[in-house]
Amino acid sequence: MDFWDFFWLLIWWFVFIAYLMLLFQILTDLFRDHKLSGWWKALWIVGLVFVPFLTALIYIIARGKGMTERHIAAANAAKAQADSYIREVATGGQSPTDQIATAKALLDAGTITPEEFATLKAKALA
């Protein structure tokens, strides 16, 4: 195998992997779209199986804008969910009132100093 055979092999592998990524994006978008009926989804999938390149091209042209909007909405929902989880884990799942009450109990028990209580209270109110 000479250099040009290897070069073209790499080009074809790149095109094939890019097509697979596009195909998976289209399939993900089909199942993410709740407004599209099941029959239309089935029709798109049949088209992707029997005439894959043409169907993918038509799908991107016809539904590209909606595909972008659904992708952005899913990313924003995932970010909001992750932020909520991080907030819950960082605070131990407690509300600011619960955090202050816990800190007050620690202060009353002598476990923390008044300065540490003030710091915890300020952090809970932030």
Protein backbone atom coordinates (compact mmCIF):
# COMPACT_ATOMS: atom_id res chain seq x y z
CA MET A 1 0.00 0.00 0.00
CA ASP A 2 1.54 3.31 -1.03
CA PHE A 3 0.98 6.76 0.44
CA TRP A 4 -1.95 7.75 -1.78
CA ASP A 5 -3.85 4.55 -1.08
CA PHE A 6 -3.46 5.20 2.64
CA PHE A 7 -4.43 8.86 2.18
CA TRP A 8 -7.66 7.97 0.36
CA LEU A 9 -8.42 5.30 2.93
CA LEU A 10 -8.19 7.95 5.64
CA ILE A 11 -10.43 10.31 3.65
CA TRP A 12 -13.08 7.62 3.17
CA TRP A 13 -12.96 6.66 6.86
CA PHE A 14 -13.41 10.32 7.78
CA VAL A 15 -16.42 10.63 5.46
CA PHE A 16 -17.92 7.41 6.80
CA ILE A 17 -17.55 8.46 10.45
CA ALA A 18 -18.92 11.93 9.67
CA TYR A 19 -21.94 10.29 8.00
CA LEU A 20 -22.50 8.03 11.03
CA MET A 21 -22.40 11.05 13.33
CA LEU A 22 -24.93 12.83 11.12
CA LEU A 23 -27.14 9.73 11.06
CA PHE A 24 -27.13 9.46 14.86
CA GLN A 25 -27.89 13.18 15.17
CA ILE A 26 -30.87 12.77 12.84
CA LEU A 27 -32.16 9.73 14.73
CA THR A 28 -31.74 11.53 18.06
CA ASP A 29 -33.60 14.54 16.68
CA LEU A 30 -36.41 12.34 15.37
CA PHE A 31 -37.02 10.83 18.79
CA ARG A 32 -36.58 14.19 20.54
CA ASP A 33 -39.29 15.87 18.44
CA HIS A 34 -42.61 15.38 20.23
CA LYS A 35 -44.63 17.28 17.64
CA LEU A 36 -43.81 14.86 14.81
CA SER A 37 -46.18 11.89 14.57
CA GLY A 38 -44.98 8.31 14.76
CA TRP A 39 -45.84 7.70 11.11
CA TRP A 40 -43.59 10.55 9.96
CA LYS A 41 -40.81 9.28 12.19
CA ALA A 42 -41.18 5.81 10.71
CA LEU A 43 -41.15 7.26 7.19
CA TRP A 44 -37.95 9.18 7.88
CA ILE A 45 -36.31 6.05 9.32
CA VAL A 46 -37.33 3.94 6.33
CA GLY A 47 -35.89 6.63 4.08
CA LEU A 48 -32.64 6.61 6.06
CA VAL A 49 -32.39 2.84 5.64
CA PHE A 50 -33.13 2.61 1.91
CA VAL A 51 -31.86 5.95 0.53
CA PRO A 52 -29.56 7.12 3.31
CA PHE A 53 -27.55 9.98 1.78
CA LEU A 54 -30.46 11.61 -0.03
CA THR A 55 -32.77 11.27 2.97
CA ALA A 56 -30.15 12.72 5.32
CA LEU A 57 -29.61 15.66 2.97
CA ILE A 58 -33.36 16.30 2.66
CA TYR A 59 -33.79 16.02 6.44
CA ILE A 60 -31.04 18.57 7.11
CA ILE A 61 -32.49 20.97 4.54
CA ALA A 62 -36.13 20.56 5.59
CA ARG A 63 -35.80 20.28 9.36
CA GLY A 64 -32.40 21.81 10.14
CA LYS A 65 -33.68 24.90 11.95
CA GLY A 66 -36.01 22.90 14.20
CA MET A 67 -33.22 20.40 14.78
CA THR A 68 -31.01 23.21 16.09
CA GLU A 69 -33.76 24.58 18.33
CA ARG A 70 -34.48 21.13 19.84
CA HIS A 71 -30.76 20.55 20.42
CA ILE A 72 -30.38 23.90 22.20
CA ALA A 73 -33.49 23.24 24.32
CA ALA A 74 -32.15 19.82 25.35
CA ALA A 75 -28.75 21.31 26.21
CA ASN A 76 -30.35 24.05 28.31
CA ALA A 77 -32.52 21.51 30.13
CA ALA A 78 -29.47 19.34 30.85
CA LYS A 79 -27.55 22.38 32.13
CA ALA A 80 -30.43 23.43 34.39
CA GLN A 81 -30.69 19.90 35.77
CA ALA A 82 -26.93 19.74 36.39
CA ASP A 83 -26.96 23.16 38.09
CA SER A 84 -29.85 22.08 40.29
CA TYR A 85 -28.05 18.89 41.26
CA ILE A 86 -24.82 20.75 42.05
CA ARG A 87 -26.73 23.28 44.17
CA GLU A 88 -28.47 20.47 46.06
CA VAL A 89 -25.26 18.55 46.68
CA ALA A 90 -23.32 21.67 47.68
CA THR A 91 -25.90 22.66 50.29
CA GLY A 92 -26.51 19.13 51.50
CA GLY A 93 -30.09 19.35 50.25
CA GLN A 94 -30.96 21.88 52.96
CA SER A 95 -32.65 25.21 52.60
CA PRO A 96 -30.81 28.29 53.91
CA THR A 97 -33.05 28.25 56.98
CA ASP A 98 -32.09 24.63 57.70
CA GLN A 99 -28.41 25.44 57.24
CA ILE A 100 -28.61 28.33 59.72
CA ALA A 101 -30.50 26.16 62.22
CA THR A 102 -27.87 23.43 61.92
CA ALA A 103 -25.10 25.99 62.41
CA LYS A 104 -26.93 27.45 65.44
CA ALA A 105 -27.21 23.96 66.95
CA LEU A 106 -23.47 23.49 66.44
CA LEU A 107 -22.82 26.89 68.05
CA ASP A 108 -25.03 26.04 71.05
CA ALA A 109 -23.25 22.71 71.45
CA GLY A 110 -19.90 24.52 71.47
CA THR A 111 -18.67 22.70 68.37
CA ILE A 112 -18.05 25.91 66.42
CA THR A 113 -17.07 29.43 67.42
CA PRO A 114 -19.27 32.51 66.93
CA GLU A 115 -17.01 33.59 64.06
CA GLU A 116 -17.52 30.25 62.31
CA PHE A 117 -21.27 30.57 62.91
CA ALA A 118 -21.24 34.02 61.30
CA THR A 119 -19.34 32.62 58.31
CA LEU A 120 -21.77 29.72 57.89
CA LYS A 121 -24.73 32.06 58.23
CA ALA A 122 -23.34 34.44 55.59
CA LYS A 123 -22.67 31.51 53.26
CA ALA A 124 -26.23 30.20 53.71
CA LEU A 125 -27.73 33.62 53.01
CA ALA A 126 -25.59 34.14 49.89
